Amino acid sequence: MRLLERMRKEWFMIGIVLAIAGAKLEPSIGVNGGPLKPEITVSYIAVATIFFNSGLSLKTEELTSALVHIKLHLFIQIFTLAFFPATIWLFLQLLSITPINEWLLKGLQTVGCMPPPVSSAVILTKAVGGNEAAAIFNSAFGSFLGIVITPLLLLLFLGSSSSVPFTSIFSQLFMTVVVPLIIGQIVRRYIKDWLERKKPPFGAVSSSVLLMIIYTTFCDTFSNPNIDLDTFSLILILFMIFSIQLSFMLLTFLFSTRNNSGFTPADTVAIIFCSTHKSLTLGIPMLKIVFAGHEHLSLISVPLLIYHPVQILLGSVLVPTIKSWMVSRQKILSSSEHHVVLSYRE
């Protein structure tokens, strides 16, 4: 299963490259009003499909055992949806005086506003042997929170396209995100046994639809002669994303391992991944809705498209190191508890 998941992610990365290359070669196919009719097929059908799929695949009935860890959940959700975007905003105030492309910087802010992903944080937590139940809960709960909080954060930090009124954004979000998600959860209740027996390829379906969204987004970019993306800005954004990811992973590690934090080593693993990972599956459709018709939508999307593979790459590379730390820390704590018990008996 782990090998299949890894192969799927590798193919998805290749798919992103091919989708962008295809948009560059023939942008007229995927532009608004073109043969694909993305103003209908993407804005409504594709986005609704992704969230219906998420509703079907989210195992919310298995999350009750994780509900009791209130402190852990609060830490992850506050870090992800408050501390992360606020810190990025402060960082971008310093960068605004640099010659870096302003729309890429705005895209970096959108990364900070995104909810946690529904898969990668869970997979990496499981690979290390951390608190998988907490990772599942926070990925699912964060996704639900993100439906409401992420658009509000995007509007707060960036504003939306002036042609799209606030009420229109949220009515479209409700119809294409909330309703399909709820319907997916209701359908899941009735076919849960069949789903667990057959294990449909939810990931592959979402990835395919997501590639279509990415393709049409970049078709809009390459058909616009006013778009100018310089290599210098792109390289700097890539470097900043690596730095941000590593810095926040270190920060969550330090916060969750300090004395009297109340978190176990397994909890720390879930915190590191869930607090720093951001959802591409939920993020791209939301950007498509909130910034509908915006001429720089694809540039705003670029940092999120980069952040996604970086979080998987860094997470995978760090799995052995984090696992080694967790095992040794658990042994130390177990040994300390053993000595306390012996001292008590004496």
Protein backbone atom coordinates (compact mmCIF):
# COMPACT_ATOMS: atom_id res chain seq x y z
CA MET A 1 0.00 0.00 0.00
CA ARG A 2 2.78 2.39 0.93
CA LEU A 3 4.57 1.65 -2.37
CA LEU A 4 1.35 2.25 -4.36
CA GLU A 5 0.79 5.56 -2.53
CA ARG A 6 4.35 6.63 -3.29
CA MET A 7 3.98 5.68 -6.97
CA ARG A 8 0.70 7.62 -7.16
CA LYS A 9 2.34 10.74 -5.72
CA GLU A 10 5.27 10.44 -8.17
CA TRP A 11 2.87 10.11 -11.11
CA PHE A 12 0.90 13.08 -9.82
CA MET A 13 4.07 15.23 -9.76
CA ILE A 14 4.77 14.17 -13.36
CA GLY A 15 1.13 14.95 -14.16
CA ILE A 16 1.50 18.51 -12.82
CA VAL A 17 4.53 19.08 -15.08
CA LEU A 18 2.69 17.63 -18.11
CA ALA A 19 -0.46 19.68 -17.36
CA ILE A 20 1.55 22.92 -17.23
CA ALA A 21 3.53 21.94 -20.36
CA GLY A 22 0.29 21.10 -22.19
CA ALA A 23 -1.21 24.45 -21.20
CA LYS A 24 1.91 26.20 -22.52
CA LEU A 25 1.74 24.36 -25.87
CA GLU A 26 -1.99 24.86 -26.50
CA PRO A 27 -3.64 27.24 -24.03
CA SER A 28 -6.73 27.87 -26.19
CA ILE A 29 -8.25 24.48 -25.27
CA GLY A 30 -8.58 25.17 -21.54
CA VAL A 31 -9.33 28.92 -21.45
CA ASN A 32 -12.74 30.25 -20.45
CA GLY A 33 -15.04 29.82 -23.42
CA GLY A 34 -12.73 27.20 -24.98
CA PRO A 35 -13.62 23.58 -25.89
CA LEU A 36 -13.31 22.37 -22.27
CA LYS A 37 -15.69 25.08 -20.97
CA PRO A 38 -13.81 25.37 -17.62
CA GLU A 39 -16.24 28.05 -16.40
CA ILE A 40 -18.71 25.13 -15.99
CA THR A 41 -16.70 21.89 -16.03
CA VAL A 42 -14.02 23.15 -13.61
CA SER A 43 -15.71 25.86 -11.55
CA TYR A 44 -18.67 23.63 -10.68
CA ILE A 45 -18.41 19.98 -11.78
CA ALA A 46 -14.69 19.35 -11.07
CA VAL A 47 -14.66 21.15 -7.70
CA ALA A 48 -17.88 19.42 -6.58
CA THR A 49 -16.42 16.04 -7.65
CA ILE A 50 -13.30 16.55 -5.51
CA PHE A 51 -15.31 17.38 -2.39
CA PHE A 52 -17.90 14.64 -2.94
CA ASN A 53 -14.94 12.28 -3.25
CA SER A 54 -13.49 13.70 -0.01
CA GLY A 55 -16.82 13.18 1.73
CA LEU A 56 -16.90 9.55 0.61
CA SER A 57 -13.32 8.84 1.69
CA LEU A 58 -13.15 10.68 5.06
CA LYS A 59 -13.48 8.07 7.81
CA THR A 60 -15.11 10.40 10.31
CA GLU A 61 -16.66 7.47 12.20
CA GLU A 62 -13.15 6.38 13.22
CA LEU A 63 -12.20 9.73 14.74
CA THR A 64 -14.17 9.53 18.00
CA SER A 65 -11.25 7.89 19.85
CA ALA A 66 -9.09 10.95 19.11
CA LEU A 67 -11.66 13.50 20.33
CA VAL A 68 -10.39 13.50 23.92
CA HIS A 69 -7.01 15.07 23.04
CA ILE A 70 -8.42 18.62 23.04
CA LYS A 71 -5.07 20.31 23.79
CA LEU A 72 -3.39 18.53 20.88
CA HIS A 73 -6.15 19.48 18.43
CA LEU A 74 -6.18 23.11 19.57
CA PHE A 75 -2.40 23.35 19.13
CA ILE A 76 -2.49 21.98 15.57
CA GLN A 77 -5.52 23.98 14.38
CA ILE A 78 -4.37 27.29 15.93
CA PHE A 79 -0.86 26.84 14.52
CA THR A 80 -2.17 25.89 11.05
CA LEU A 81 -4.99 28.41 10.63
CA ALA A 82 -3.80 31.34 12.79
CA PHE A 83 -0.08 31.35 13.61
CA PHE A 84 1.05 30.12 10.16
CA PRO A 85 -0.83 32.71 8.03
CA ALA A 86 -0.09 35.57 10.47
CA THR A 87 3.66 34.77 10.49
CA ILE A 88 3.74 34.57 6.67
CA TRP A 89 1.95 37.94 6.49
CA LEU A 90 4.59 39.57 8.74
CA PHE A 91 7.38 37.95 6.69
CA LEU A 92 5.85 39.25 3.45
CA GLN A 93 5.76 42.82 4.78
CA LEU A 94 9.58 42.68 4.77
CA LEU A 95 9.69 41.09 1.31
CA SER A 96 7.32 43.64 -0.25
CA ILE A 97 10.26 46.05 -0.76
CA THR A 98 12.20 43.44 -2.79
CA PRO A 99 11.93 42.99 -6.59
CA ILE A 100 10.25 39.56 -6.18
CA ASN A 101 7.09 39.18 -8.28
CA GLU A 102 4.24 40.53 -6.11
CA TRP A 103 1.76 37.87 -7.26
CA LEU A 104 4.11 35.06 -6.25
CA LEU A 105 4.37 36.71 -2.82
CA LYS A 106 0.58 36.86 -2.63
CA GLY A 107 0.62 33.17 -3.57
CA LEU A 108 2.93 32.51 -0.63
CA GLN A 109 0.29 34.11 1.60
CA THR A 110 -2.38 31.80 0.19
CA VAL A 111 -0.21 28.81 1.21
CA GLY A 112 -0.33 30.05 4.80
CA CYS A 113 -4.14 30.27 4.67
CA MET A 114 -4.66 26.68 3.54
CA PRO A 115 -6.00 23.88 5.78
CA PRO A 116 -4.02 20.66 6.41
CA PRO A 117 -4.17 17.96 3.69
CA VAL A 118 -6.34 14.86 4.07
CA SER A 119 -3.57 12.38 3.25
CA SER A 120 0.15 13.29 3.30
CA ALA A 121 0.36 14.24 7.01
CA VAL A 122 -1.43 11.00 7.96
CA ILE A 123 0.78 8.85 5.72
CA LEU A 124 4.02 10.35 7.10
CA THR A 125 2.81 10.16 10.71
CA LYS A 126 1.98 6.49 10.15
CA ALA A 127 5.37 5.86 8.49
CA VAL A 128 7.15 7.21 11.58
CA GLY A 129 4.83 5.37 14.00
CA GLY A 130 3.37 8.53 15.54
CA ASN A 131 -0.15 9.25 16.79
CA GLU A 132 -2.04 8.26 13.64
CA ALA A 133 -5.51 8.75 15.18
CA ALA A 134 -4.64 12.38 16.03
CA ALA A 135 -3.27 12.92 12.51
CA ILE A 136 -6.46 11.53 10.93
CA PHE A 137 -8.68 13.63 13.19
CA ASN A 138 -6.80 16.89 12.59
CA SER A 139 -6.54 16.35 8.84
CA ALA A 140 -10.29 15.70 8.59
CA PHE A 141 -11.32 18.36 11.12
CA GLY A 142 -8.89 20.89 9.60
CA SER A 143 -10.39 20.23 6.16
CA PHE A 144 -13.90 20.93 7.47
CA LEU A 145 -12.69 24.09 9.28
CA GLY A 146 -10.83 25.17 6.15
CA ILE A 147 -14.04 25.27 4.12
CA VAL A 148 -15.11 28.28 6.20
CA ILE A 149 -11.85 29.71 7.60
CA THR A 150 -9.60 29.52 4.50
CA PRO A 151 -11.83 31.73 2.26
CA LEU A 152 -12.15 34.22 5.15
CA LEU A 153 -8.35 34.28 5.60
CA LEU A 154 -7.83 34.72 1.84
CA LEU A 155 -10.25 37.63 1.79
CA LEU A 156 -8.71 39.11 4.95
CA PHE A 157 -5.08 38.99 3.78
CA LEU A 158 -5.50 39.41 0.02
CA GLY A 159 -9.00 40.51 -0.87
CA SER A 160 -10.78 38.86 -3.80
CA SER A 161 -11.32 39.78 -7.41
CA SER A 162 -13.34 43.00 -7.46
CA SER A 163 -15.73 41.42 -9.96
CA VAL A 164 -16.79 38.69 -7.51
CA PRO A 165 -18.93 39.87 -4.57
CA PHE A 166 -18.50 38.34 -1.09
CA THR A 167 -21.95 36.67 -1.10
CA SER A 168 -21.33 35.11 -4.51
CA ILE A 169 -18.05 33.56 -3.31
CA PHE A 170 -19.66 31.92 -0.30
CA SER A 171 -22.76 30.76 -2.14
CA GLN A 172 -20.52 29.04 -4.72
CA LEU A 173 -18.35 27.60 -1.94
CA PHE A 174 -21.46 26.26 -0.24
CA MET A 175 -22.86 24.64 -3.40
CA THR A 176 -19.58 23.22 -4.75
CA VAL A 177 -17.75 22.40 -1.47
CA VAL A 178 -20.05 22.04 1.56
CA VAL A 179 -23.03 20.34 -0.13
CA PRO A 180 -20.97 17.70 -2.06
CA LEU A 181 -18.93 17.00 1.11
CA ILE A 182 -22.09 16.43 3.20
CA ILE A 183 -23.69 14.30 0.46
CA GLY A 184 -20.47 12.24 0.27
CA GLN A 185 -20.58 11.64 4.05
CA ILE A 186 -24.28 10.64 3.89
CA VAL A 187 -23.68 8.24 0.97
CA ARG A 188 -20.68 6.79 2.85
CA ARG A 189 -22.92 5.79 5.78
CA TYR A 190 -24.98 3.56 3.47
CA ILE A 191 -22.17 1.99 1.43
CA LYS A 192 -19.41 1.96 4.09
CA ASP A 193 -18.99 -1.85 4.00
CA TRP A 194 -18.75 -1.87 0.20
CA LEU A 195 -16.21 0.98 0.26
CA GLU A 196 -14.01 -0.81 2.82
CA ARG A 197 -14.25 -4.07 0.90
CA LYS A 198 -13.58 -2.68 -2.59
CA LYS A 199 -11.31 0.26 -1.56
CA PRO A 200 -12.06 2.53 -4.57
CA PRO A 201 -9.16 4.68 -5.83
CA PHE A 202 -10.28 7.94 -4.18
CA GLY A 203 -6.78 9.42 -4.41
CA ALA A 204 -6.50 8.72 -8.13
CA VAL A 205 -9.91 10.29 -8.84
CA SER A 206 -9.10 13.48 -6.90
CA SER A 207 -5.65 13.70 -8.49
CA SER A 208 -7.06 13.37 -12.02
CA VAL A 209 -9.67 16.08 -11.45
CA LEU A 210 -7.06 18.29 -9.78
CA LEU A 211 -4.77 17.98 -12.80
CA MET A 212 -7.63 19.21 -14.98
CA ILE A 213 -8.05 22.26 -12.70
CA ILE A 214 -4.29 22.96 -12.80
CA TYR A 215 -4.25 22.58 -16.61
CA THR A 216 -7.12 25.06 -17.18
CA THR A 217 -5.67 27.52 -14.64
CA PHE A 218 -2.37 27.64 -16.56
CA CYS A 219 -4.19 27.82 -19.90
CA ASP A 220 -5.56 31.16 -18.64
CA THR A 221 -2.03 32.23 -17.73
CA PHE A 222 -0.36 31.39 -21.00
CA SER A 223 -3.18 32.91 -23.05
CA ASN A 224 -2.66 36.22 -21.21
CA PRO A 225 0.16 38.23 -22.87
CA ASN A 226 0.49 40.50 -19.80
CA ILE A 227 1.78 37.71 -17.54
CA ASP A 228 5.51 37.96 -16.84
CA LEU A 229 7.16 35.39 -14.55
CA ASP A 230 10.88 35.91 -14.02
CA THR A 231 13.23 33.06 -13.08
CA PHE A 232 14.80 35.03 -10.23
CA SER A 233 11.45 35.33 -8.40
CA LEU A 234 10.65 31.66 -8.97
CA ILE A 235 14.00 30.44 -7.57
CA LEU A 236 13.67 32.73 -4.53
CA ILE A 237 10.12 31.49 -3.86
CA LEU A 238 11.36 27.88 -4.06
CA PHE A 239 14.13 28.64 -1.55
CA MET A 240 11.69 30.44 0.77
CA ILE A 241 9.24 27.52 0.69
CA PHE A 242 11.98 25.07 1.73
CA SER A 243 13.06 27.48 4.49
CA ILE A 244 9.50 28.08 5.75
CA GLN A 245 8.72 24.38 5.80
CA LEU A 246 11.88 23.47 7.74
CA SER A 247 11.56 26.43 10.13
CA PHE A 248 7.96 25.61 11.03
CA MET A 249 8.76 21.90 11.46
CA LEU A 250 11.55 22.86 13.88
CA LEU A 251 9.29 25.36 15.65
CA THR A 252 6.49 22.82 16.20
CA PHE A 253 9.07 20.31 17.42
CA LEU A 254 10.46 22.80 19.98
CA PHE A 255 6.99 23.86 21.15
CA SER A 256 5.69 20.32 21.57
CA THR A 257 8.78 18.90 23.31
CA ARG A 258 9.30 21.62 25.90
CA ASN A 259 8.91 20.69 29.59
CA ASN A 260 5.31 20.29 30.78
CA SER A 261 3.94 20.46 27.24
CA GLY A 262 1.86 17.37 27.97
CA PHE A 263 2.58 15.82 24.56
CA THR A 264 4.04 12.35 24.04
CA PRO A 265 6.74 11.72 21.38
CA ALA A 266 4.03 10.12 19.19
CA ASP A 267 1.93 13.29 19.57
CA THR A 268 4.91 15.43 18.54
CA VAL A 269 5.22 13.47 15.27
CA ALA A 270 1.56 14.16 14.41
CA ILE A 271 2.00 17.83 15.37
CA ILE A 272 5.09 18.29 13.16
CA PHE A 273 3.35 16.99 10.02
CA CYS A 274 -0.24 18.18 10.58
CA SER A 275 0.77 21.72 11.60
CA THR A 276 3.09 22.37 8.64
CA HIS A 277 1.45 20.54 5.73
CA LYS A 278 -0.99 22.35 3.44
CA SER A 279 -3.73 20.95 1.21
CA LEU A 280 -3.38 21.23 -2.56
CA THR A 281 -6.58 19.21 -3.14
CA LEU A 282 -8.68 21.69 -1.18
CA GLY A 283 -6.52 24.73 -1.91
CA ILE A 284 -6.55 24.92 -5.72
CA PRO A 285 -10.37 24.66 -6.03
CA MET A 286 -10.79 27.33 -3.32
CA LEU A 287 -8.38 29.70 -5.07
CA LYS A 288 -10.30 29.05 -8.29
CA ILE A 289 -13.52 30.18 -6.56
CA VAL A 290 -12.20 33.09 -4.46
CA PHE A 291 -10.07 34.54 -7.28
CA ALA A 292 -12.42 33.65 -10.14
CA GLY A 293 -11.62 35.70 -13.21
CA HIS A 294 -8.41 37.11 -11.71
CA GLU A 295 -5.76 37.51 -14.42
CA HIS A 296 -2.96 36.49 -12.01
CA LEU A 297 -4.71 33.41 -10.58
CA SER A 298 -2.10 30.99 -11.91
CA LEU A 299 0.80 33.02 -10.46
CA ILE A 300 -1.00 33.09 -7.11
CA SER A 301 -1.32 29.27 -7.39
CA VAL A 302 2.40 28.64 -8.13
CA PRO A 303 3.69 28.67 -4.48
CA LEU A 304 1.01 26.15 -3.45
CA LEU A 305 1.92 23.93 -6.41
CA ILE A 306 5.57 24.08 -5.23
CA TYR A 307 4.76 23.67 -1.52
CA HIS A 308 2.88 20.40 -2.13
CA PRO A 309 5.81 18.33 -3.51
CA VAL A 310 8.25 20.02 -1.09
CA GLN A 311 6.27 18.93 1.97
CA ILE A 312 6.16 15.33 0.71
CA LEU A 313 9.85 15.35 -0.24
CA LEU A 314 11.04 16.87 3.05
CA GLY A 315 8.69 14.70 5.09
CA SER A 316 9.87 11.51 3.37
CA VAL A 317 13.55 12.44 3.81
CA LEU A 318 13.05 13.23 7.51
CA VAL A 319 11.01 10.08 8.35
CA PRO A 320 14.07 7.99 9.46
CA THR A 321 15.46 10.87 11.58
CA ILE A 322 12.14 11.62 13.28
CA LYS A 323 11.49 7.91 13.82
CA SER A 324 14.92 7.46 15.41
CA TRP A 325 14.27 10.42 17.74
CA MET A 326 10.79 9.16 18.69
CA VAL A 327 11.98 5.62 19.51
CA SER A 328 14.93 6.84 21.60
CA ARG A 329 12.72 9.40 23.39
CA GLN A 330 10.11 6.76 24.17
CA LYS A 331 12.82 4.50 25.62
CA ILE A 332 14.11 7.32 27.84
CA LEU A 333 10.60 8.13 29.08
CA SER A 334 9.82 4.44 29.64
CA SER A 335 13.07 4.02 31.58
CA SER A 336 12.31 7.12 33.70
CA GLU A 337 8.82 5.84 34.51
CA HIS A 338 10.30 2.46 35.46
CA HIS A 339 12.75 4.09 37.86
CA VAL A 340 9.94 6.18 39.41
CA VAL A 341 7.88 3.02 40.01
CA LEU A 342 10.87 1.24 41.60
CA SER A 343 11.61 4.27 43.81
CA TYR A 344 7.97 4.39 44.89
CA ARG A 345 8.01 0.70 45.82
CA GLU A 346 11.16 1.13 47.87
